[in-house]
């Protein structure tokens, strides 16, 4: 982002905000992802062991002559299965744990209101191999929501989901953009809502109601000009009908 652009940005209560323009996920977000990876690896390891035990019982049931005892089959192969399952789980878990801090450091968020022809937008940058920079203009945003799951609440963080008119619908499987791992996620959500109400009035969420804004009726010269334009349109239409009849 260029430094010569005047921006209006949120000032969240977070010391790691860089220059008041770009802020990043909390370190608690890294701890959350580490925990989720470990839980996924343990769950996968347990499922492999249970699948092997189920297979041993199935073989003993369908081929009792070849496999007379499921317990004997399990006791013979269980240590080997556990060893290979552990090796396979560690093969993907350790690189994922090592690369996760690099991924977290690559994430940047910015909520800014630009003046002039450039519309206000939400900026999100992610990725360290394939870098994506997404600019979501406020004029395309249809819904803003905050989310905090069990892991998020445990670490005291949350996320802000951003949906747009071109992305929302029955075929969409999630928000177009997601600002994750933020301690002050409710403040970010409220800030975006406030900016949306300034930019497009009235702006309402699904939990709010408002009365439609009525446009004032034209008066004086404006009324005369509007009537004159309407009469001219009617005159032109009548002329075209007469020509068509002749």
Protein backbone atom coordinates (compact mmCIF):
# COMPACT_ATOMS: atom_id res chain seq x y z
CA UNK A 1 0.00 0.00 0.00
CA UNK A 2 1.30 3.42 -0.92
CA UNK A 3 2.03 5.94 1.78
CA UNK A 4 0.69 8.91 -0.23
CA UNK A 5 -2.92 7.72 -0.10
CA UNK A 6 -5.09 9.27 2.60
CA UNK A 7 -6.83 6.49 4.49
CA UNK A 8 -9.24 6.16 7.35
CA UNK A 9 -8.37 3.04 9.26
CA UNK A 10 -9.43 1.28 12.42
CA UNK A 11 -7.15 1.72 15.42
CA UNK A 12 -7.60 -1.59 17.26
CA UNK A 13 -6.29 -2.13 20.80
CA UNK A 14 -3.42 -4.26 19.59
CA UNK A 15 0.23 -3.29 19.93
CA UNK A 16 1.45 -5.27 16.92
CA UNK A 17 -0.38 -3.10 14.40
CA UNK A 18 2.16 -1.86 11.85
CA UNK A 19 1.98 1.87 11.30
CA UNK A 20 -1.73 1.95 12.01
CA UNK A 21 -2.46 0.67 8.47
CA UNK A 22 -1.81 -3.05 8.32
CA UNK A 23 -2.44 -5.50 11.13
CA UNK A 24 -1.79 -9.23 11.36
CA UNK A 25 -3.36 -12.19 13.17
CA UNK A 26 -2.57 -12.67 16.83
CA UNK A 27 0.07 -15.21 17.84
CA UNK A 28 -2.78 -17.09 19.50
CA UNK A 29 -3.95 -17.89 15.96
CA UNK A 30 -0.70 -19.80 15.41
CA UNK A 31 -1.24 -21.75 18.63
CA UNK A 32 -4.80 -22.55 17.53
CA UNK A 33 -3.63 -23.92 14.17
CA UNK A 34 -0.89 -25.95 15.84
CA UNK A 35 -3.44 -27.48 18.20
CA UNK A 36 -5.81 -28.28 15.33
CA UNK A 37 -3.02 -29.98 13.38
CA UNK A 38 -2.04 -32.10 16.37
CA UNK A 39 -5.66 -33.05 17.07
CA UNK A 40 -6.14 -33.98 13.41
CA UNK A 41 -2.99 -36.14 13.45
CA UNK A 42 -4.01 -37.94 16.64
CA UNK A 43 -7.53 -38.51 15.32
CA UNK A 44 -6.13 -39.90 12.06
CA UNK A 45 -3.72 -42.18 13.96
CA UNK A 46 -6.54 -43.53 16.14
CA UNK A 47 -8.76 -44.12 13.11
CA UNK A 48 -5.98 -46.19 11.48
CA UNK A 49 -5.61 -48.37 14.57
CA UNK A 50 -9.37 -48.86 14.92
CA UNK A 51 -9.64 -49.70 11.23
CA UNK A 52 -6.93 -52.34 11.61
CA UNK A 53 -8.70 -53.90 14.60
CA UNK A 54 -11.99 -53.91 12.68
CA UNK A 55 -10.27 -55.53 9.71
CA UNK A 56 -8.77 -58.23 11.95
CA UNK A 57 -12.20 -59.10 13.36
CA UNK A 58 -13.71 -59.12 9.87
CA UNK A 59 -11.03 -61.50 8.53
CA UNK A 60 -11.46 -63.82 11.50
CA UNK A 61 -15.22 -63.87 10.84
CA UNK A 62 -15.18 -64.49 7.06
CA UNK A 63 -12.09 -66.78 6.95
CA UNK A 64 -11.91 -68.60 10.31
CA UNK A 65 -9.67 -71.34 8.93
CA UNK A 66 -6.99 -68.93 7.71
CA UNK A 67 -7.39 -66.46 10.59
CA UNK A 68 -8.68 -68.47 13.56
CA UNK A 69 -8.29 -65.69 16.14
CA UNK A 70 -8.74 -61.94 15.74
CA UNK A 71 -6.88 -61.35 19.02
CA UNK A 72 -3.88 -63.30 17.73
CA UNK A 73 -3.88 -61.31 14.48
CA UNK A 74 -4.06 -58.02 16.37
CA UNK A 75 -1.30 -58.94 18.81
CA UNK A 76 0.94 -60.04 15.92
CA UNK A 77 0.55 -56.95 13.72
CA UNK A 78 -0.55 -54.17 16.08
CA UNK A 79 2.94 -52.89 16.92
CA UNK A 80 3.91 -52.75 13.24
CA UNK A 81 0.69 -50.97 12.28
CA UNK A 82 1.15 -48.46 15.09
CA UNK A 83 4.74 -47.81 14.04
CA UNK A 84 3.89 -47.22 10.38
CA UNK A 85 0.89 -45.08 11.30
CA UNK A 86 3.10 -42.94 13.52
CA UNK A 87 5.72 -42.51 10.80
CA UNK A 88 3.11 -41.52 8.22
CA UNK A 89 1.44 -39.02 10.56
CA UNK A 90 4.76 -37.42 11.53
CA UNK A 91 5.74 -37.21 7.84
CA UNK A 92 3.10 -34.53 7.22
CA UNK A 93 2.63 -33.16 10.74
CA UNK A 94 6.20 -31.98 11.39
CA UNK A 95 6.55 -30.01 8.10
CA UNK A 96 3.10 -28.49 8.66
CA UNK A 97 4.02 -27.37 12.18
CA UNK A 98 7.29 -25.88 10.93
CA UNK A 99 5.73 -23.98 8.01
CA UNK A 100 2.73 -22.65 9.90
CA UNK A 101 4.61 -19.68 11.49
CA UNK A 102 5.81 -18.63 8.03
CA UNK A 103 2.24 -18.70 6.75
CA UNK A 104 0.94 -16.68 9.70
CA UNK A 105 3.63 -14.01 9.19
CA UNK A 106 2.57 -13.66 5.55
CA UNK A 107 -0.99 -12.64 6.43
CA UNK A 108 -1.88 -8.94 6.34
CA UNK A 109 -5.21 -7.21 6.91
CA UNK A 110 -6.23 -3.63 6.28
CA UNK A 111 -9.56 -1.86 6.69
CA UNK A 112 -9.37 1.53 5.04
CA UNK A 113 -11.58 4.20 3.55
CA UNK A 114 -9.96 5.85 0.51
CA UNK A 115 -11.11 9.24 -0.76
CA UNK A 116 -11.50 10.29 -4.37
CA UNK A 117 -12.48 7.89 -7.15
CA UNK A 118 -11.12 4.85 -5.33
CA UNK A 119 -13.88 3.25 -3.25
CA UNK A 120 -13.43 2.10 0.37
CA UNK A 121 -12.31 -1.49 0.60
CA UNK A 122 -11.12 -4.38 2.73
CA UNK A 123 -7.61 -5.63 1.90
CA UNK A 124 -6.42 -9.17 2.70
CA UNK A 125 -3.04 -10.69 1.81
CA UNK A 126 -2.27 -14.38 2.37
CA UNK A 127 0.23 -17.00 1.29
CA UNK A 128 4.02 -17.35 1.08
CA UNK A 129 4.33 -19.68 -1.94
CA UNK A 130 1.33 -18.45 -3.90
CA UNK A 131 0.60 -14.93 -2.65
CA UNK A 132 -2.96 -13.63 -3.00
CA UNK A 133 -3.96 -10.01 -2.46
CA UNK A 134 -7.71 -9.51 -2.37
CA UNK A 135 -9.36 -6.08 -2.46
CA UNK A 136 -13.06 -6.21 -1.56
CA UNK A 137 -14.76 -2.85 -2.30
CA UNK A 138 -17.40 -1.77 0.21
CA UNK A 139 -19.91 -1.31 -2.63
CA UNK A 140 -19.90 -5.08 -3.29
CA UNK A 141 -20.25 -6.23 0.35
CA UNK A 142 -23.66 -7.69 1.15
CA UNK A 143 -23.07 -9.19 4.58
CA UNK A 144 -20.60 -8.90 7.46
CA UNK A 145 -20.51 -11.42 10.29
CA UNK A 146 -18.17 -12.37 13.13
CA UNK A 147 -17.39 -15.93 14.18
CA UNK A 148 -15.68 -17.54 17.15
CA UNK A 149 -15.60 -21.33 17.35
CA UNK A 150 -14.58 -23.50 20.32
CA UNK A 151 -10.86 -23.26 19.49
CA UNK A 152 -11.18 -19.51 18.90
CA UNK A 153 -12.87 -18.91 22.25
CA UNK A 154 -10.23 -21.02 23.99
CA UNK A 155 -7.48 -18.76 22.63
CA UNK A 156 -9.50 -15.52 22.85
CA UNK A 157 -9.65 -14.77 19.11
CA UNK A 158 -12.24 -14.69 16.34
CA UNK A 159 -12.78 -13.99 12.65
CA UNK A 160 -14.74 -11.62 10.43
CA UNK A 161 -16.55 -13.09 7.41
CA UNK A 162 -17.12 -10.90 4.34
CA UNK A 163 -19.70 -11.82 1.71
CA UNK A 164 -20.31 -10.02 -1.58
CA UNK A 165 -23.15 -9.92 -4.08
CA UNK A 166 -21.21 -11.88 -6.69
CA UNK A 167 -20.15 -14.62 -4.28
CA UNK A 168 -23.12 -15.18 -1.97
CA UNK A 169 -25.85 -17.64 -2.94
CA UNK A 170 -26.80 -21.29 -2.76
CA UNK A 171 -23.64 -22.42 -4.59
CA UNK A 172 -21.27 -20.52 -2.31
CA UNK A 173 -19.67 -22.71 0.35
CA UNK A 174 -18.37 -19.90 2.53
CA UNK A 175 -17.56 -16.21 2.67
CA UNK A 176 -15.56 -14.64 -0.14
CA UNK A 177 -12.99 -13.31 2.33
CA UNK A 178 -12.20 -14.14 5.92
CA UNK A 179 -10.11 -12.16 8.39
CA UNK A 180 -9.00 -14.82 10.88
CA UNK A 181 -7.15 -14.92 14.17
CA UNK A 182 -8.02 -11.40 15.34
CA UNK A 183 -8.27 -10.49 19.00
CA UNK A 184 -10.35 -7.36 18.26
CA UNK A 185 -12.57 -9.05 15.64
CA UNK A 186 -15.77 -7.48 16.99
CA UNK A 187 -14.26 -4.00 16.68
CA UNK A 188 -13.26 -4.74 13.07
CA UNK A 189 -16.79 -5.95 12.28
CA UNK A 190 -18.37 -2.86 13.84
CA UNK A 191 -15.95 -0.58 12.01
CA UNK A 192 -16.80 -2.08 8.62
CA UNK A 193 -20.51 -1.80 9.39
CA UNK A 194 -20.09 1.84 10.34
CA UNK A 195 -18.21 2.59 7.12
CA UNK A 196 -20.83 0.75 5.07
CA UNK A 197 -23.57 2.87 6.61
CA UNK A 198 -21.67 6.02 5.66
CA UNK A 199 -21.02 4.79 2.15
CA UNK A 200 -24.42 3.27 1.38
CA UNK A 201 -27.33 4.55 3.51
CA UNK A 202 -29.32 2.76 4.70
CA UNK A 203 -27.25 -0.40 5.18
CA UNK A 204 -28.83 -3.12 7.31
CA UNK A 205 -27.85 -6.60 8.38
CA UNK A 206 -30.21 -9.52 8.68
CA UNK A 207 -30.84 -8.66 12.33
CA UNK A 208 -31.71 -5.01 11.77
CA UNK A 209 -34.75 -3.22 10.36
CA UNK A 210 -35.01 0.22 8.92
CA UNK A 211 -37.44 2.35 6.97
CA UNK A 212 -36.66 3.00 3.34
CA UNK A 213 -35.30 6.42 2.53
CA UNK A 214 -37.79 8.44 0.45
CA UNK A 215 -36.47 10.68 -2.28
CA UNK A 216 -37.86 14.20 -2.09
CA UNK A 217 -40.25 15.25 -4.86
CA UNK A 218 -38.85 17.75 -7.36
CA UNK A 219 -39.92 21.34 -6.88
CA UNK A 220 -39.71 24.58 -8.83
CA UNK A 221 -37.36 24.48 -11.79
CA UNK A 222 -36.58 20.80 -11.29
CA UNK A 223 -40.27 19.94 -11.50
CA UNK A 224 -40.73 21.99 -14.68
CA UNK A 225 -37.71 20.40 -16.32
CA UNK A 226 -38.92 16.90 -15.43
CA UNK A 227 -42.44 17.60 -16.79
CA UNK A 228 -40.99 19.07 -19.96
CA UNK A 229 -38.78 16.02 -20.54
CA UNK A 230 -41.77 13.70 -19.98
CA UNK A 231 -43.95 15.64 -22.44
CA UNK A 232 -41.20 15.49 -25.04
CA UNK A 233 -40.95 11.73 -24.65
CA UNK A 234 -44.74 11.41 -25.11
CA UNK A 235 -44.60 13.64 -28.21
CA UNK A 236 -41.85 11.55 -29.76
CA UNK A 237 -43.77 8.34 -29.07
CA UNK A 238 -46.93 9.74 -30.74
CA UNK A 239 -44.92 10.78 -33.79
CA UNK A 240 -43.45 7.32 -34.16
CA UNK A 241 -46.90 5.71 -33.90
CA UNK A 242 -48.32 8.00 -36.61
CA UNK A 243 -45.41 7.24 -38.92
CA UNK A 244 -45.93 3.54 -38.37
CA UNK A 245 -49.66 3.83 -39.20
CA UNK A 246 -48.98 5.84 -42.39
